[in-house]
Structures are given as structure tokens and as C-alpha cells.
């Protein structure tokens, strides 16, 4: 039965979609049955999988959510599951934004995605969900559906501020709607390992959070090859299989696969980077 893994962040610019794309392929290359779900109104994951115009996809996650609202039978799987070089995909499109707006007054709407994914669990080992960068009806649905959460963090000073905000959201979801949700870990992405500031913040995150939430040992380095792969709608694992990011995503997939049964406390300690340390780090650059 599939683990539903949600990649979530309440801040953009942390390689969330790129991580879902490459993690899906890396797990597939390990022999896992993988379904990727684009649950973002921007449909960037759909584009990463090579679908140039997501609105041309006949049936998307928006249609499945709309069927939940209208209490209609779901379409057949063959109508909405795309097959992409060993990874299955439920695409998104611009209609998802309108569907999200119409959910406000729907009783039980926070569990619509759970209802959609439940019949698919036996078909896959992993269902990996990409979410948008803000807290809305869709992100709440994703957190309610999740078994495990991956929190990507770009180790820049301001980007870490979203961690505490996300922590509050997860605590509420766990307390009120999904008591079984666990945090697989924080994934450090877009790491400029040659800069002193990046090294300082990465170390600070590990020290401040690791007692409450695991920080994955694997960190994803910054490399131009990732951007090039996105431009050509290819996973970096295929586009540049020997580059540092490709190797890191393969290692991350192995690390994640090993720790899926690890139980993680749901509390976070507040991350505070002292102003003096930051100034010293900037001076050192």
C-alpha cells in the first residue's frame, strides 16, 4: 500500500516542484511504483513532465476535485492518469484555482484529496504530492491526505522564516484533522556549499531542528544543470546523470525509502539566527 508523501513549504523558491519531479523518477529507477500528483494551481509539475499546455489534458486533478464537490462518480483511472517514462502523473491545470474557490462552503471539503487517492493506494508504493506555496484549501487537503511530509528549505536567511509558520499549520492539522501525519524530514535544497553563509545556516538548521524533526543527511546542491533540465522538461537524473544534483537526488530517494517507518515528533523549535552571526557571515563572503 502506498505511502502518501506531501512535499510542502509555505514559501516559494525552495525547489519543491523540482524535488517532487526528480524524487519520483529516482524512486521509479529503484523499482518503486510511483504516482506523482500536481496539486498546485500553477501546474508547474505537469509542465516538468513534458506537458506543454496543462489545460489540454482532458481530465486533471481539478476535475477529480470538482467531482467530489458535486458528488459525482470519479472518472476511470485511464482517463486521468498520465504515463511518463515509468512514473504515473495526475496533472493539474488552471481550473484547479476555480475549484479551490468553490470549496469554501463545502462540508468535509478538507478530505476530498484523501478520498481521491484512497482507491489508488494499492496500485503504488509511493504517491508524491506537489503543493502550492501558500496556505489555502488545497494545501490543507494535501496535509490531511498525507502520511509523511517532506519540507524543502533553501538555506538562505529569510527562507528559513517559513519553517515556524509551517510548523503551526502542521500542528493544527495533526490536532484537528489528521492525527497520523508524520514529518519525514527537512530537505536542504539549492545549497551553495561554497559560500560561508550557506554553511552557517545549514549547520544552524541542523542544530536547531534535528532534536524535534530530522534533517535529511542528503542535501541538494545548487547547479545550473537543474535549471537546464527544467527548461527541457526532463528530470536532471536523465539530463545530466553524473552531475552533483543527480547524485544527490538518487541518494535522497534511497535515504527516504529507508526511513518511511520512522516516527517523528510533530513539534518544532523556533529557528533563530543571531543578527551578529549573520553580519559576521556576510562580512566573510
Protein backbone atom coordinates (compact mmCIF):
# COMPACT_ATOMS: atom_id res chain seq x y z
CA UNK A 1 0.00 0.00 0.00
CA UNK A 2 1.33 3.40 -1.00
CA UNK A 3 2.77 5.96 1.35
CA UNK A 4 1.32 9.37 0.52
CA UNK A 5 4.17 11.86 0.73
CA UNK A 6 3.42 15.57 0.50
CA UNK A 7 6.19 18.00 -0.36
CA UNK A 8 5.17 21.22 1.34
CA UNK A 9 6.52 24.69 2.05
CA UNK A 10 4.78 27.97 2.80
CA UNK A 11 7.42 29.84 0.84
CA UNK A 12 8.42 29.65 -2.79
CA UNK A 13 11.91 29.32 -4.21
CA UNK A 14 12.90 26.13 -2.40
CA UNK A 15 12.92 23.68 -5.36
CA UNK A 16 9.76 21.95 -4.14
CA UNK A 17 8.43 21.05 -7.59
CA UNK A 18 11.86 20.07 -8.89
CA UNK A 19 12.26 17.82 -5.86
CA UNK A 20 8.94 16.05 -6.47
CA UNK A 21 9.82 15.59 -10.14
CA UNK A 22 13.28 14.12 -9.56
CA UNK A 23 12.35 12.15 -6.44
CA UNK A 24 9.56 10.47 -8.39
CA UNK A 25 11.97 9.36 -11.11
CA UNK A 26 14.67 8.33 -8.64
CA UNK A 27 12.25 6.09 -6.73
CA UNK A 28 10.97 4.67 -10.01
CA UNK A 29 14.53 3.75 -11.03
CA UNK A 30 14.76 1.85 -7.73
CA UNK A 31 11.87 -0.34 -8.88
CA UNK A 32 9.16 1.50 -6.95
CA UNK A 33 5.69 2.13 -8.36
CA UNK A 34 5.29 5.91 -8.23
CA UNK A 35 2.37 8.26 -8.79
CA UNK A 36 3.11 12.00 -8.83
CA UNK A 37 0.20 14.36 -8.17
CA UNK A 38 0.32 18.01 -9.25
CA UNK A 39 -1.83 19.76 -6.65
CA UNK A 40 -0.71 23.29 -7.46
CA UNK A 41 -2.81 25.74 -9.48
CA UNK A 42 0.33 26.83 -11.36
CA UNK A 43 0.70 23.29 -12.79
CA UNK A 44 4.49 23.55 -12.84
CA UNK A 45 4.96 19.85 -12.08
CA UNK A 46 2.74 18.98 -15.03
CA UNK A 47 4.97 21.11 -17.26
CA UNK A 48 8.08 19.44 -15.82
CA UNK A 49 6.68 16.11 -17.00
CA UNK A 50 6.63 17.43 -20.57
CA UNK A 51 3.01 18.56 -20.91
CA UNK A 52 3.40 21.96 -22.55
CA UNK A 53 -0.19 23.12 -22.07
CA UNK A 54 -1.73 21.59 -18.95
CA UNK A 55 -5.16 22.88 -19.95
CA UNK A 56 -5.09 20.48 -22.91
CA UNK A 57 -5.17 17.49 -20.53
CA UNK A 58 -8.74 16.10 -20.71
CA UNK A 59 -9.06 15.15 -17.04
CA UNK A 60 -6.92 16.70 -14.30
CA UNK A 61 -6.88 16.74 -10.52
CA UNK A 62 -9.23 19.72 -10.78
CA UNK A 63 -11.88 17.55 -12.42
CA UNK A 64 -11.49 14.91 -9.73
CA UNK A 65 -11.90 17.55 -7.02
CA UNK A 66 -14.91 19.00 -8.82
CA UNK A 67 -16.49 15.55 -8.92
CA UNK A 68 -16.08 15.39 -5.14
CA UNK A 69 -17.85 18.73 -4.73
CA UNK A 70 -20.72 17.68 -6.99
CA UNK A 71 -20.83 14.16 -5.54
CA UNK A 72 -20.34 12.59 -8.96
CA UNK A 73 -18.66 9.28 -9.74
CA UNK A 74 -14.95 9.64 -10.40
CA UNK A 75 -13.72 9.11 -13.97
CA UNK A 76 -11.99 5.84 -14.80
CA UNK A 77 -8.28 5.77 -13.91
CA UNK A 78 -7.31 5.51 -17.55
CA UNK A 79 -8.91 8.91 -18.15
CA UNK A 80 -6.80 10.89 -15.70
CA UNK A 81 -3.52 9.03 -15.11
CA UNK A 82 -0.73 10.02 -17.49
CA UNK A 83 2.18 7.62 -18.05
CA UNK A 84 5.55 9.39 -18.21
CA UNK A 85 8.61 7.15 -18.67
CA UNK A 86 7.98 4.91 -15.71
CA UNK A 87 6.24 7.46 -13.47
CA UNK A 88 2.48 7.99 -13.43
CA UNK A 89 1.08 11.51 -13.12
CA UNK A 90 -2.20 13.17 -12.23
CA UNK A 91 -1.86 16.52 -13.96
CA UNK A 92 -3.09 19.92 -12.86
CA UNK A 93 -4.45 22.90 -14.76
CA UNK A 94 -5.74 26.43 -14.32
CA UNK A 95 -9.25 25.15 -13.49
CA UNK A 96 -7.94 23.99 -10.12
CA UNK A 97 -7.93 27.59 -8.89
CA UNK A 98 -11.67 27.95 -9.54
CA UNK A 99 -12.34 24.61 -7.89
CA UNK A 100 -10.41 25.72 -4.82
CA UNK A 101 -12.50 28.89 -4.57
CA UNK A 102 -15.72 26.87 -4.70
CA UNK A 103 -14.70 24.64 -1.78
CA UNK A 104 -15.20 27.19 1.00
CA UNK A 105 -18.76 26.25 1.87
CA UNK A 106 -18.47 22.52 1.17
CA UNK A 107 -18.86 20.33 4.24
CA UNK A 108 -15.90 17.97 4.67
CA UNK A 109 -14.02 19.54 1.77
CA UNK A 110 -10.69 19.16 3.58
CA UNK A 111 -10.77 15.41 2.90
CA UNK A 112 -11.54 15.49 -0.83
CA UNK A 113 -7.97 14.65 -1.89
CA UNK A 114 -7.86 11.79 0.62
CA UNK A 115 -10.98 10.34 -0.99
CA UNK A 116 -9.46 10.65 -4.45
CA UNK A 117 -6.17 8.96 -3.53
CA UNK A 118 -7.58 6.20 -1.31
CA UNK A 119 -8.59 3.89 -4.22
CA UNK A 120 -5.11 4.30 -5.75
CA UNK A 121 -3.06 3.25 -2.73
CA UNK A 122 -2.88 -0.42 -3.69
CA UNK A 123 -1.55 0.42 -7.16
CA UNK A 124 1.60 2.20 -5.99
CA UNK A 125 4.43 2.17 -3.48
CA UNK A 126 4.62 5.96 -3.31
CA UNK A 127 2.16 8.73 -4.10
CA UNK A 128 4.06 12.03 -4.07
CA UNK A 129 2.08 15.27 -4.00
CA UNK A 130 3.35 18.69 -5.07
CA UNK A 131 1.60 21.63 -3.40
CA UNK A 132 1.44 25.39 -3.82
CA UNK A 133 3.47 27.83 -1.71
CA UNK A 134 0.58 29.26 0.31
CA UNK A 135 -1.87 28.04 2.92
CA UNK A 136 -5.25 27.54 1.25
CA UNK A 137 -7.95 24.91 0.76
CA UNK A 138 -5.65 22.86 -1.46
CA UNK A 139 -2.66 22.76 0.89
CA UNK A 140 -4.95 21.81 3.78
CA UNK A 141 -6.34 18.98 1.64
CA UNK A 142 -2.81 17.78 0.93
CA UNK A 143 -1.81 17.81 4.60
CA UNK A 144 -4.96 15.92 5.55
CA UNK A 145 -4.20 13.27 2.90
CA UNK A 146 -0.53 12.91 3.86
CA UNK A 147 1.15 10.04 5.63
CA UNK A 148 4.54 11.77 5.52
CA UNK A 149 5.77 15.30 4.87
CA UNK A 150 8.94 16.48 3.19
CA UNK A 151 9.81 20.10 3.96
CA UNK A 152 12.29 21.54 1.43
CA UNK A 153 14.26 24.52 2.70
CA UNK A 154 16.55 26.79 0.74
CA UNK A 155 19.24 27.67 3.30
CA UNK A 156 19.12 31.41 2.89
CA UNK A 157 18.47 33.56 5.94
CA UNK A 158 14.97 34.78 5.06
CA UNK A 159 13.75 31.49 3.59
CA UNK A 160 14.01 29.76 6.96
CA UNK A 161 11.33 32.07 8.39
CA UNK A 162 8.60 29.99 6.75
CA UNK A 163 9.51 26.95 8.86
CA UNK A 164 7.85 28.21 12.03
CA UNK A 165 4.73 29.24 10.11
CA UNK A 166 4.50 25.81 8.51
CA UNK A 167 5.03 24.22 11.92
CA UNK A 168 1.94 25.96 13.25
CA UNK A 169 -0.13 24.74 10.32
CA UNK A 170 1.05 21.14 10.72
CA UNK A 171 0.29 21.17 14.43
CA UNK A 172 -3.28 22.29 13.76
CA UNK A 173 -3.76 19.67 11.05
CA UNK A 174 -2.41 16.92 13.30
CA UNK A 175 -4.56 18.01 16.23
CA UNK A 176 -7.80 18.55 14.32
CA UNK A 177 -7.83 16.61 11.06
CA UNK A 178 -5.00 14.10 10.54
CA UNK A 179 -3.52 12.70 13.77
CA UNK A 180 -1.38 10.20 11.83
CA UNK A 181 0.63 12.67 9.75
CA UNK A 182 4.39 12.45 10.29
CA UNK A 183 7.30 14.54 9.16
CA UNK A 184 9.84 12.55 7.17
CA UNK A 185 12.28 15.42 7.40
CA UNK A 186 13.62 18.76 6.30
CA UNK A 187 15.43 18.63 2.95
CA UNK A 188 18.07 21.28 2.35
CA UNK A 189 17.90 22.34 -1.31
CA UNK A 190 19.69 24.76 -3.62
CA UNK A 191 22.74 24.64 -1.35
CA UNK A 192 25.57 26.97 -2.33
CA UNK A 193 28.08 24.88 -0.45
CA UNK A 194 31.00 27.12 -1.42
CA UNK A 195 29.62 30.12 0.47
CA UNK A 196 30.19 30.66 4.18
CA UNK A 197 26.64 31.91 4.77
CA UNK A 198 25.08 28.76 3.32
CA UNK A 199 27.31 26.58 5.50
CA UNK A 200 26.41 28.58 8.61
CA UNK A 201 22.66 28.41 8.00
CA UNK A 202 22.72 24.70 7.10
CA UNK A 203 24.52 23.96 10.34
CA UNK A 204 22.13 26.21 12.28
CA UNK A 205 19.09 24.39 10.86
CA UNK A 206 20.54 21.01 11.78
CA UNK A 207 21.35 22.13 15.33
CA UNK A 208 18.05 23.94 15.97
CA UNK A 209 15.65 21.39 14.47
CA UNK A 210 17.20 17.95 14.49
CA UNK A 211 16.13 17.07 18.04
CA UNK A 212 12.48 17.54 17.04
CA UNK A 213 12.43 16.94 13.28
CA UNK A 214 15.00 15.00 11.27
CA UNK A 215 17.04 16.90 8.74
CA UNK A 216 17.87 14.60 5.85
CA UNK A 217 21.55 13.78 5.64
CA UNK A 218 21.38 14.34 1.89
CA UNK A 219 21.41 17.96 0.76
CA UNK A 220 20.67 19.04 -2.80
CA UNK A 221 23.39 21.30 -4.25
CA UNK A 222 22.78 24.29 -6.47
CA UNK A 223 23.78 23.61 -10.08
CA UNK A 224 22.85 25.13 -13.42
CA UNK A 225 22.05 21.64 -14.71
CA UNK A 226 18.82 21.57 -12.70
CA UNK A 227 17.56 24.74 -14.38
CA UNK A 228 18.54 23.42 -17.79
CA UNK A 229 16.71 20.14 -17.13
CA UNK A 230 13.55 22.04 -16.13
CA UNK A 231 13.76 24.10 -19.32
CA UNK A 232 13.82 20.92 -21.40
CA UNK A 233 11.09 19.25 -19.27
CA UNK A 234 13.39 16.45 -18.21
CA UNK A 235 14.47 15.13 -14.82
CA UNK A 236 18.03 16.13 -14.07
CA UNK A 237 18.68 12.41 -13.48
CA UNK A 238 18.34 11.93 -17.24
CA UNK A 239 19.57 15.30 -18.47
CA UNK A 240 22.84 15.23 -16.54
CA UNK A 241 23.06 11.88 -14.75
CA UNK A 242 26.55 12.47 -13.37
CA UNK A 243 26.08 15.99 -12.05
CA UNK A 244 26.06 16.66 -8.31
CA UNK A 245 22.28 17.26 -8.12
CA UNK A 246 21.50 13.98 -9.90
CA UNK A 247 23.68 12.04 -7.49
CA UNK A 248 22.09 13.87 -4.55
CA UNK A 249 18.53 13.11 -5.65
CA UNK A 250 19.41 9.42 -6.05
CA UNK A 251 20.89 9.40 -2.56
CA UNK A 252 17.87 11.24 -1.20
CA UNK A 253 15.49 8.67 -2.69
CA UNK A 254 17.45 5.86 -1.01
CA UNK A 255 17.52 7.72 2.31
CA UNK A 256 13.80 8.46 2.20
CA UNK A 257 12.92 4.89 1.27
CA UNK A 258 14.80 3.59 4.32
CA UNK A 259 13.14 5.87 6.84
CA UNK A 260 9.48 5.69 5.86
CA UNK A 261 8.58 3.88 9.07
CA UNK A 262 10.43 6.34 11.29
CA UNK A 263 8.11 8.10 13.75
CA UNK A 264 8.86 11.80 14.12
CA UNK A 265 7.64 14.12 16.89
CA UNK A 266 5.49 16.88 15.46
CA UNK A 267 6.96 19.81 17.40
CA UNK A 268 9.44 22.32 16.08
CA UNK A 269 11.89 24.52 17.92
CA UNK A 270 11.98 28.08 16.70
CA UNK A 271 14.95 28.79 14.46
CA UNK A 272 16.74 32.00 15.38
CA UNK A 273 19.84 33.10 13.54
CA UNK A 274 21.56 35.72 15.71
CA UNK A 275 21.99 39.05 13.96
CA UNK A 276 25.66 39.28 14.94
CA UNK A 277 26.41 35.88 13.45
CA UNK A 278 24.66 36.87 10.23
CA UNK A 279 26.69 40.07 9.93
CA UNK A 280 29.89 38.14 10.53
CA UNK A 281 28.92 35.61 7.88
CA UNK A 282 28.13 38.31 5.34
CA UNK A 283 31.45 40.05 6.06
CA UNK A 284 33.27 36.79 5.47
CA UNK A 285 31.88 36.42 1.96
